[in-house]
Amino acid sequence: MPVAITKNPDTARADTAKNLDFYNQFPSYQRIMAREGVAHAADLAVIGNPDTVISQLLRYRAAGATDLVLSPFQTELSALQLLWAVAAEM
């Protein structure tokens, strides 16, 4: 799942929407989005500060997810290190 740990979630959401836009054309993703009640593939991304991201990921765990593949949308080392720290807490 796309993940961004950031102090600017609005910018991260806009970047995520642009990068994931092509998923909206696939019927399989359209069905997933419809089932989840979202309008865009980017709406399924986990974006926010570390506490927000942890909270969102814990909701997936509480819903029964046993394996999560986190796909970072940042390339800066500091952002990746934050994501690694969050993943380690899971």
PDB file of N, CA and C in Angstrom:
ATOM      1  N   MET A   1       0.835  -1.148   0.000  1.00  0.00           N
ATOM      2  CA  MET A   1       0.000   0.000   0.000  1.00  0.00           C
ATOM      3  C   MET A   1       0.891   1.224   0.000  1.00  0.00           C
ATOM      4  N   PRO A   2       0.470   2.264  -0.703  1.00  0.00           N
ATOM      5  CA  PRO A   2       1.249   3.503  -0.723  1.00  0.00           C
ATOM      6  C   PRO A   2       1.244   4.161   0.654  1.00  0.00           C
ATOM      7  N   VAL A   3       2.424   4.577   1.088  1.00  0.00           N
ATOM      8  CA  VAL A   3       2.564   5.200   2.401  1.00  0.00           C
ATOM      9  C   VAL A   3       3.451   6.434   2.276  1.00  0.00           C
ATOM     10  N   ALA A   4       3.044   7.495   2.948  1.00  0.00           N
ATOM     11  CA  ALA A   4       3.866   8.704   3.021  1.00  0.00           C
ATOM     12  C   ALA A   4       3.797   9.242   4.439  1.00  0.00           C
ATOM     13  N   ILE A   5       4.948   9.344   5.075  1.00  0.00           N
ATOM     14  CA  ILE A   5       5.032   9.991   6.384  1.00  0.00           C
ATOM     15  C   ILE A   5       5.526  11.404   6.110  1.00  0.00           C
ATOM     16  N   THR A   6       4.687  12.363   6.457  1.00  0.00           N
ATOM     17  CA  THR A   6       4.968  13.730   6.045  1.00  0.00           C
ATOM     18  C   THR A   6       4.345  14.744   6.988  1.00  0.00           C
ATOM     19  N   LYS A   7       4.919  15.937   6.972  1.00  0.00           N
ATOM     20  CA  LYS A   7       4.328  17.058   7.701  1.00  0.00           C
ATOM     21  C   LYS A   7       3.356  17.824   6.811  1.00  0.00           C
ATOM     22  N   ASN A   8       3.323  17.475   5.530  1.00  0.00           N
ATOM     23  CA  ASN A   8       2.449  18.159   4.576  1.00  0.00           C
ATOM     24  C   ASN A   8       1.575  17.134   3.848  1.00  0.00           C
ATOM     25  N   PRO A   9       0.548  16.621   4.518  1.00  0.00           N
ATOM     26  CA  PRO A   9      -0.273  15.562   3.914  1.00  0.00           C
ATOM     27  C   PRO A   9      -1.020  16.007   2.660  1.00  0.00           C
ATOM     28  N   ASP A  10      -1.389  17.276   2.554  1.00  0.00           N
ATOM     29  CA  ASP A  10      -2.114  17.719   1.355  1.00  0.00           C
ATOM     30  C   ASP A  10      -1.246  17.593   0.108  1.00  0.00           C
ATOM     31  N   THR A  11       0.006  17.995   0.213  1.00  0.00           N
ATOM     32  CA  THR A  11       0.929  17.866  -0.921  1.00  0.00           C
ATOM     33  C   THR A  11       1.171  16.399  -1.240  1.00  0.00           C
ATOM     34  N   ALA A  12       1.358  15.585  -0.197  1.00  0.00           N
ATOM     35  CA  ALA A  12       1.584  14.154  -0.410  1.00  0.00           C
ATOM     36  C   ALA A  12       0.374  13.500  -1.072  1.00  0.00           C
ATOM     37  N   ARG A  13      -0.838  13.893  -0.677  1.00  0.00           N
ATOM     38  CA  ARG A  13      -2.043  13.337  -1.303  1.00  0.00           C
ATOM     39  C   ARG A  13      -2.125  13.729  -2.782  1.00  0.00           C
ATOM     40  N   ALA A  14      -1.785  14.968  -3.093  1.00  0.00           N
ATOM     41  CA  ALA A  14      -1.811  15.416  -4.492  1.00  0.00           C
ATOM     42  C   ALA A  14      -0.786  14.646  -5.322  1.00  0.00           C
ATOM     43  N   ASP A  15       0.410  14.467  -4.776  1.00  0.00           N
ATOM     44  CA  ASP A  15       1.435  13.695  -5.483  1.00  0.00           C
ATOM     45  C   ASP A  15       1.007  12.248  -5.663  1.00  0.00           C
ATOM     46  N   THR A  16       0.415  11.681  -4.617  1.00  0.00           N
ATOM     47  CA  THR A  16      -0.044  10.295  -4.681  1.00  0.00           C
ATOM     48  C   THR A  16      -1.145  10.140  -5.722  1.00  0.00           C
ATOM     49  N   ALA A  17      -2.080  11.089  -5.748  1.00  0.00           N
ATOM     50  CA  ALA A  17      -3.173  11.026  -6.729  1.00  0.00           C
ATOM     51  C   ALA A  17      -2.620  11.051  -8.151  1.00  0.00           C
ATOM     52  N   LYS A  18      -1.640  11.897  -8.385  1.00  0.00           N
ATOM     53  CA  LYS A  18      -1.050  11.992  -9.723  1.00  0.00           C
ATOM     54  C   LYS A  18      -0.329  10.693 -10.093  1.00  0.00           C
ATOM     55  N   ASN A  19       0.406  10.133  -9.134  1.00  0.00           N
ATOM     56  CA  ASN A  19       1.190   8.925  -9.403  1.00  0.00           C
ATOM     57  C   ASN A  19       0.334   7.666  -9.525  1.00  0.00           C
ATOM     58  N   LEU A  20      -0.813   7.638  -8.886  1.00  0.00           N
ATOM     59  CA  LEU A  20      -1.655   6.434  -8.914  1.00  0.00           C
ATOM     60  C   LEU A  20      -2.841   6.557  -9.868  1.00  0.00           C
ATOM     61  N   ASP A  21      -2.925   7.644 -10.579  1.00  0.00           N
ATOM     62  CA  ASP A  21      -4.081   7.895 -11.438  1.00  0.00           C
ATOM     63  C   ASP A  21      -4.346   6.762 -12.432  1.00  0.00           C
ATOM     64  N   PHE A  22      -3.290   6.140 -12.946  1.00  0.00           N
ATOM     65  CA  PHE A  22      -3.481   5.088 -13.947  1.00  0.00           C
ATOM     66  C   PHE A  22      -4.243   3.888 -13.398  1.00  0.00           C
ATOM     67  N   TYR A  23      -4.217   3.662 -12.074  1.00  0.00           N
ATOM     68  CA  TYR A  23      -4.953   2.542 -11.486  1.00  0.00           C
ATOM     69  C   TYR A  23      -6.463   2.703 -11.650  1.00  0.00           C
ATOM     70  N   ASN A  24      -6.926   3.926 -11.766  1.00  0.00           N
ATOM     71  CA  ASN A  24      -8.364   4.172 -11.857  1.00  0.00           C
ATOM     72  C   ASN A  24      -8.997   3.584 -13.117  1.00  0.00           C
ATOM     73  N   GLN A  25      -8.210   3.250 -14.104  1.00  0.00           N
ATOM     74  CA  GLN A  25      -8.750   2.724 -15.359  1.00  0.00           C
ATOM     75  C   GLN A  25      -8.969   1.208 -15.341  1.00  0.00           C
ATOM     76  N   PHE A  26      -8.418   0.506 -14.355  1.00  0.00           N
ATOM     77  CA  PHE A  26      -8.508  -0.949 -14.318  1.00  0.00           C
ATOM     78  C   PHE A  26      -9.767  -1.404 -13.597  1.00  0.00           C
ATOM     79  N   PRO A  27     -10.558  -2.272 -14.221  1.00  0.00           N
ATOM     80  CA  PRO A  27     -11.795  -2.744 -13.581  1.00  0.00           C
ATOM     81  C   PRO A  27     -11.564  -3.379 -12.207  1.00  0.00           C
ATOM     82  N   SER A  28     -10.470  -4.103 -12.040  1.00  0.00           N
ATOM     83  CA  SER A  28     -10.222  -4.732 -10.738  1.00  0.00           C
ATOM     84  C   SER A  28     -10.037  -3.670  -9.651  1.00  0.00           C
ATOM     85  N   TYR A  29      -9.342  -2.601  -9.963  1.00  0.00           N
ATOM     86  CA  TYR A  29      -9.168  -1.531  -8.985  1.00  0.00           C
ATOM     87  C   TYR A  29     -10.455  -0.739  -8.809  1.00  0.00           C
ATOM     88  N   GLN A  30     -11.218  -0.600  -9.883  1.00  0.00           N
ATOM     89  CA  GLN A  30     -12.508   0.086  -9.772  1.00  0.00           C
ATOM     90  C   GLN A  30     -13.411  -0.650  -8.789  1.00  0.00           C
ATOM     91  N   ARG A  31     -13.384  -1.993  -8.835  1.00  0.00           N
ATOM     92  CA  ARG A  31     -14.190  -2.782  -7.900  1.00  0.00           C
ATOM     93  C   ARG A  31     -13.699  -2.609  -6.458  1.00  0.00           C
ATOM     94  N   ILE A  32     -12.383  -2.590  -6.282  1.00  0.00           N
ATOM     95  CA  ILE A  32     -11.826  -2.384  -4.934  1.00  0.00           C
ATOM     96  C   ILE A  32     -12.241  -1.024  -4.405  1.00  0.00           C
ATOM     97  N   MET A  33     -12.108   0.007  -5.234  1.00  0.00           N
ATOM     98  CA  MET A  33     -12.463   1.358  -4.805  1.00  0.00           C
ATOM     99  C   MET A  33     -13.945   1.448  -4.472  1.00  0.00           C
ATOM    100  N   ALA A  34     -14.774   0.815  -5.283  1.00  0.00           N
ATOM    101  CA  ALA A  34     -16.212   0.834  -5.021  1.00  0.00           C
ATOM    102  C   ALA A  34     -16.518   0.123  -3.708  1.00  0.00           C
ATOM    103  N   ARG A  35     -15.877  -1.024  -3.489  1.00  0.00           N
ATOM    104  CA  ARG A  35     -16.103  -1.784  -2.255  1.00  0.00           C
ATOM    105  C   ARG A  35     -15.665  -0.984  -1.031  1.00  0.00           C
ATOM    106  N   GLU A  36     -14.580  -0.228  -1.178  1.00  0.00           N
ATOM    107  CA  GLU A  36     -14.060   0.551  -0.053  1.00  0.00           C
ATOM    108  C   GLU A  36     -14.706   1.922   0.060  1.00  0.00           C
ATOM    109  N   GLY A  37     -15.524   2.289  -0.911  1.00  0.00           N
ATOM    110  CA  GLY A  37     -16.233   3.556  -0.853  1.00  0.00           C
ATOM    111  C   GLY A  37     -15.357   4.767  -1.108  1.00  0.00           C
ATOM    112  N   VAL A  38     -14.350   4.601  -1.962  1.00  0.00           N
ATOM    113  CA  VAL A  38     -13.471   5.717  -2.291  1.00  0.00           C
ATOM    114  C   VAL A  38     -13.569   6.027  -3.778  1.00  0.00           C
ATOM    115  N   ALA A  39     -13.206   7.247  -4.138  1.00  0.00           N
ATOM    116  CA  ALA A  39     -13.350   7.693  -5.520  1.00  0.00           C
ATOM    117  C   ALA A  39     -12.086   7.517  -6.342  1.00  0.00           C
ATOM    118  N   HIS A  40     -10.941   7.394  -5.704  1.00  0.00           N
ATOM    119  CA  HIS A  40      -9.667   7.375  -6.415  1.00  0.00           C
ATOM    120  C   HIS A  40      -8.738   6.386  -5.721  1.00  0.00           C
ATOM    121  N   ALA A  41      -7.872   5.763  -6.493  1.00  0.00           N
ATOM    122  CA  ALA A  41      -6.924   4.805  -5.912  1.00  0.00           C
ATOM    123  C   ALA A  41      -6.084   5.452  -4.815  1.00  0.00           C
ATOM    124  N   ALA A  42      -5.769   6.720  -4.972  1.00  0.00           N
ATOM    125  CA  ALA A  42      -4.956   7.423  -3.967  1.00  0.00           C
ATOM    126  C   ALA A  42      -5.672   7.534  -2.632  1.00  0.00           C
ATOM    127  N   ASP A  43      -6.984   7.417  -2.629  1.00  0.00           N
ATOM    128  CA  ASP A  43      -7.735   7.493  -1.374  1.00  0.00           C
ATOM    129  C   ASP A  43      -7.442   6.300  -0.464  1.00  0.00           C
ATOM    130  N   LEU A  44      -6.833   5.269  -1.017  1.00  0.00           N
ATOM    131  CA  LEU A  44      -6.469   4.094  -0.234  1.00  0.00           C
ATOM    132  C   LEU A  44      -5.082   4.222   0.385  1.00  0.00           C
ATOM    133  N   ALA A  45      -4.353   5.271   0.028  1.00  0.00           N
ATOM    134  CA  ALA A  45      -2.999   5.479   0.555  1.00  0.00           C
ATOM    135  C   ALA A  45      -3.039   5.859   2.027  1.00  0.00           C
ATOM    136  N   VAL A  46      -1.972   5.528   2.720  1.00  0.00           N
ATOM    137  CA  VAL A  46      -1.803   5.870   4.128  1.00  0.00           C
ATOM    138  C   VAL A  46      -0.842   7.046   4.194  1.00  0.00           C
ATOM    139  N   ILE A  47      -1.350   8.209   4.592  1.00  0.00           N
ATOM    140  CA  ILE A  47      -0.568   9.443   4.537  1.00  0.00           C
ATOM    141  C   ILE A  47      -0.764  10.230   5.828  1.00  0.00           C
ATOM    142  N   GLY A  48       0.323  10.736   6.378  1.00  0.00           N
ATOM    143  CA  GLY A  48       0.237  11.589   7.554  1.00  0.00           C
ATOM    144  C   GLY A  48       1.513  11.568   8.367  1.00  0.00           C
ATOM    145  N   ASN A  49       1.424  12.084   9.589  1.00  0.00           N
ATOM    146  CA  ASN A  49       2.581  12.051  10.482  1.00  0.00           C
ATOM    147  C   ASN A  49       2.739  10.624  11.014  1.00  0.00           C
ATOM    148  N   PRO A  50       3.841  10.329  11.694  1.00  0.00           N
ATOM    149  CA  PRO A  50       4.056   8.951  12.143  1.00  0.00           C
ATOM    150  C   PRO A  50       2.894   8.377  12.957  1.00  0.00           C
ATOM    151  N   ASP A  51       2.329   9.155  13.881  1.00  0.00           N
ATOM    152  CA  ASP A  51       1.217   8.638  14.688  1.00  0.00           C
ATOM    153  C   ASP A  51      -0.013   8.322  13.843  1.00  0.00           C
ATOM    154  N   THR A  52      -0.298   9.186  12.868  1.00  0.00           N
ATOM    155  CA  THR A  52      -1.439   8.966  11.977  1.00  0.00           C
ATOM    156  C   THR A  52      -1.236   7.705  11.144  1.00  0.00           C
ATOM    157  N   VAL A  53      -0.029   7.539  10.618  1.00  0.00           N
ATOM    158  CA  VAL A  53       0.267   6.357   9.791  1.00  0.00           C
ATOM    159  C   VAL A  53       0.156   5.082  10.626  1.00  0.00           C
ATOM    160  N   ILE A  54       0.721   5.107  11.831  1.00  0.00           N
ATOM    161  CA  ILE A  54       0.626   3.931  12.704  1.00  0.00           C
ATOM    162  C   ILE A  54      -0.834   3.607  12.993  1.00  0.00           C
ATOM    163  N   SER A  55      -1.621   4.619  13.292  1.00  0.00           N
ATOM    164  CA  SER A  55      -3.039   4.412  13.582  1.00  0.00           C
ATOM    165  C   SER A  55      -3.761   3.786  12.395  1.00  0.00           C
ATOM    166  N   GLN A  56      -3.490   4.293  11.197  1.00  0.00           N
ATOM    167  CA  GLN A  56      -4.145   3.744  10.007  1.00  0.00           C
ATOM    168  C   GLN A  56      -3.708   2.298   9.753  1.00  0.00           C
ATOM    169  N   LEU A  57      -2.426   2.024   9.926  1.00  0.00           N
ATOM    170  CA  LEU A  57      -1.946   0.659   9.707  1.00  0.00           C
ATOM    171  C   LEU A  57      -2.512  -0.301  10.748  1.00  0.00           C
ATOM    172  N   LEU A  58      -2.662   0.166  11.983  1.00  0.00           N
ATOM    173  CA  LEU A  58      -3.260  -0.685  13.019  1.00  0.00           C
ATOM    174  C   LEU A  58      -4.718  -1.009  12.708  1.00  0.00           C
ATOM    175  N   ARG A  59      -5.416  -0.097  12.011  1.00  0.00           N
ATOM    176  CA  ARG A  59      -6.793  -0.393  11.593  1.00  0.00           C
ATOM    177  C   ARG A  59      -6.809  -1.558  10.610  1.00  0.00           C
ATOM    178  N   TYR A  60      -5.823  -1.610   9.713  1.00  0.00           N
ATOM    179  CA  TYR A  60      -5.737  -2.751   8.794  1.00  0.00           C
ATOM    180  C   TYR A  60      -5.503  -4.034   9.585  1.00  0.00           C
ATOM    181  N   ARG A  61      -4.626  -3.969  10.571  1.00  0.00           N
ATOM    182  CA  ARG A  61      -4.353  -5.152  11.388  1.00  0.00           C
ATOM    183  C   ARG A  61      -5.608  -5.590  12.133  1.00  0.00           C
ATOM    184  N   ALA A  62      -6.316  -4.634  12.712  1.00  0.00           N
ATOM    185  CA  ALA A  62      -7.544  -4.946  13.450  1.00  0.00           C
ATOM    186  C   ALA A  62      -8.606  -5.555  12.537  1.00  0.00           C
ATOM    187  N   ALA A  63      -8.561  -5.200  11.257  1.00  0.00           N
ATOM    188  CA  ALA A  63      -9.520  -5.737  10.292  1.00  0.00           C
ATOM    189  C   ALA A  63      -9.123  -7.130   9.814  1.00  0.00           C
ATOM    190  N   GLY A  64      -7.938  -7.603  10.250  1.00  0.00           N
ATOM    191  CA  GLY A  64      -7.541  -8.960   9.900  1.00  0.00           C
ATOM    192  C   GLY A  64      -6.334  -9.075   8.990  1.00  0.00           C
ATOM    193  N   ALA A  65      -5.762  -7.961   8.572  1.00  0.00           N
ATOM    194  CA  ALA A  65      -4.579  -8.033   7.709  1.00  0.00           C
ATOM    195  C   ALA A  65      -3.413  -8.616   8.493  1.00  0.00           C
ATOM    196  N   THR A  66      -2.740  -9.580   7.889  1.00  0.00           N
ATOM    197  CA  THR A  66      -1.581 -10.180   8.547  1.00  0.00           C
ATOM    198  C   THR A  66      -0.276  -9.776   7.877  1.00  0.00           C
ATOM    199  N   ASP A  67      -0.342  -9.379   6.628  1.00  0.00           N
ATOM    200  CA  ASP A  67       0.844  -8.954   5.884  1.00  0.00           C
ATOM    201  C   ASP A  67       0.533  -7.648   5.174  1.00  0.00           C
ATOM    202  N   LEU A  68       1.346  -6.650   5.415  1.00  0.00           N
ATOM    203  CA  LEU A  68       1.188  -5.365   4.734  1.00  0.00           C
ATOM    204  C   LEU A  68       2.470  -5.074   3.967  1.00  0.00           C
ATOM    205  N   VAL A  69       2.327  -4.741   2.704  1.00  0.00           N
ATOM    206  CA  VAL A  69       3.471  -4.329   1.898  1.00  0.00           C
ATOM    207  C   VAL A  69       3.396  -2.819   1.788  1.00  0.00           C
ATOM    208  N   LEU A  70       4.359  -2.147   2.400  1.00  0.00           N
ATOM    209  CA  LEU A  70       4.368  -0.688   2.411  1.00  0.00           C
ATOM    210  C   LEU A  70       5.208  -0.189   1.238  1.00  0.00           C
ATOM    211  N   SER A  71       4.622   0.669   0.447  1.00  0.00           N
ATOM    212  CA  SER A  71       5.288   1.231  -0.726  1.00  0.00           C
ATOM    213  C   SER A  71       5.488   2.727  -0.495  1.00  0.00           C
ATOM    214  N   PRO A  72       6.705   3.125  -0.094  1.00  0.00           N
ATOM    215  CA  PRO A  72       6.933   4.535   0.236  1.00  0.00           C
ATOM    216  C   PRO A  72       6.868   5.438  -0.990  1.00  0.00           C
ATOM    217  N   PHE A  73       6.294   6.610  -0.783  1.00  0.00           N
ATOM    218  CA  PHE A  73       6.223   7.603  -1.838  1.00  0.00           C
ATOM    219  C   PHE A  73       7.298   8.671  -1.683  1.00  0.00           C
ATOM    220  N   GLN A  74       8.147   8.524  -0.695  1.00  0.00           N
ATOM    221  CA  GLN A  74       9.226   9.481  -0.513  1.00  0.00           C
ATOM    222  C   GLN A  74      10.552   8.821  -0.857  1.00  0.00           C
ATOM    223  N   THR A  75      11.498   9.634  -1.270  1.00  0.00           N
ATOM    224  CA  THR A  75      12.825   9.105  -1.579  1.00  0.00           C
ATOM    225  C   THR A  75      13.895   9.703  -0.672  1.00  0.00           C
ATOM    226  N   GLU A  76      13.533  10.721   0.117  1.00  0.00           N
ATOM    227  CA  GLU A  76      14.513  11.304   1.027  1.00  0.00           C
ATOM    228  C   GLU A  76      14.823  10.296   2.135  1.00  0.00           C
ATOM    229  N   LEU A  77      16.087  10.209   2.489  1.00  0.00           N
ATOM    230  CA  LEU A  77      16.510   9.235   3.491  1.00  0.00           C
ATOM    231  C   LEU A  77      15.794   9.447   4.821  1.00  0.00           C
ATOM    232  N   SER A  78      15.609  10.694   5.237  1.00  0.00           N
ATOM    233  CA  SER A  78      14.956  10.941   6.532  1.00  0.00           C
ATOM    234  C   SER A  78      13.518  10.427   6.530  1.00  0.00           C
ATOM    235  N   ALA A  79      12.796  10.600   5.418  1.00  0.00           N
ATOM    236  CA  ALA A  79      11.422  10.114   5.326  1.00  0.00           C
ATOM    237  C   ALA A  79      11.393   8.587   5.321  1.00  0.00           C
ATOM    238  N   LEU A  80      12.334   7.983   4.616  1.00  0.00           N
ATOM    239  CA  LEU A  80      12.396   6.520   4.594  1.00  0.00           C
ATOM    240  C   LEU A  80      12.740   5.969   5.972  1.00  0.00           C
ATOM    241  N   GLN A  81      13.631   6.644   6.680  1.00  0.00           N
ATOM    242  CA  GLN A  81      13.979   6.189   8.023  1.00  0.00           C
ATOM    243  C   GLN A  81      12.765   6.250   8.951  1.00  0.00           C
ATOM    244  N   LEU A  82      11.952   7.291   8.815  1.00  0.00           N
ATOM    245  CA  LEU A  82      10.712   7.366   9.603  1.00  0.00           C
ATOM    246  C   LEU A  82       9.795   6.203   9.274  1.00  0.00           C
ATOM    247  N   LEU A  83       9.658   5.896   7.991  1.00  0.00           N
ATOM    248  CA  LEU A  83       8.800   4.784   7.592  1.00  0.00           C
ATOM    249  C   LEU A  83       9.339   3.468   8.140  1.00  0.00           C
ATOM    250  N   TRP A  84      10.642   3.271   8.081  1.00  0.00           N
ATOM    251  CA  TRP A  84      11.234   2.047   8.621  1.00  0.00           C
ATOM    252  C   TRP A  84      10.963   1.939  10.117  1.00  0.00           C
ATOM    253  N   ALA A  85      11.048   3.049  10.824  1.00  0.00           N
ATOM    254  CA  ALA A  85      10.789   3.043  12.270  1.00  0.00           C
ATOM    255  C   ALA A  85       9.325   2.684  12.545  1.00  0.00           C
ATOM    256  N   VAL A  86       8.420   3.245  11.751  1.00  0.00           N
ATOM    257  CA  VAL A  86       6.991   2.918  11.903  1.00  0.00           C
ATOM    258  C   VAL A  86       6.759   1.437  11.616  1.00  0.00           C
ATOM    259  N   ALA A  87       7.348   0.947  10.539  1.00  0.00           N
ATOM    260  CA  ALA A  87       7.167  -0.465  10.174  1.00  0.00           C
ATOM    261  C   ALA A  87       7.718  -1.380  11.285  1.00  0.00           C
ATOM    262  N   ALA A  88       8.801  -0.977  11.898  1.00  0.00           N
ATOM    263  CA  ALA A  88       9.384  -1.786  12.967  1.00  0.00           C
ATOM    264  C   ALA A  88       8.465  -1.859  14.170  1.00  0.00           C
ATOM    265  N   GLU A  89       7.683  -0.807  14.403  1.00  0.00           N
ATOM    266  CA  GLU A  89       6.738  -0.813  15.524  1.00  0.00           C
ATOM    267  C   GLU A  89       5.561  -1.744  15.285  1.00  0.00           C
ATOM    268  N   MET A  90       5.314  -2.080  14.049  1.00  0.00           N
ATOM    269  CA  MET A  90       4.168  -2.915  13.712  1.00  0.00           C
ATOM    270  C   MET A  90       4.493  -4.359  14.041  1.00  0.00           C
TER     271      MET A  90
END
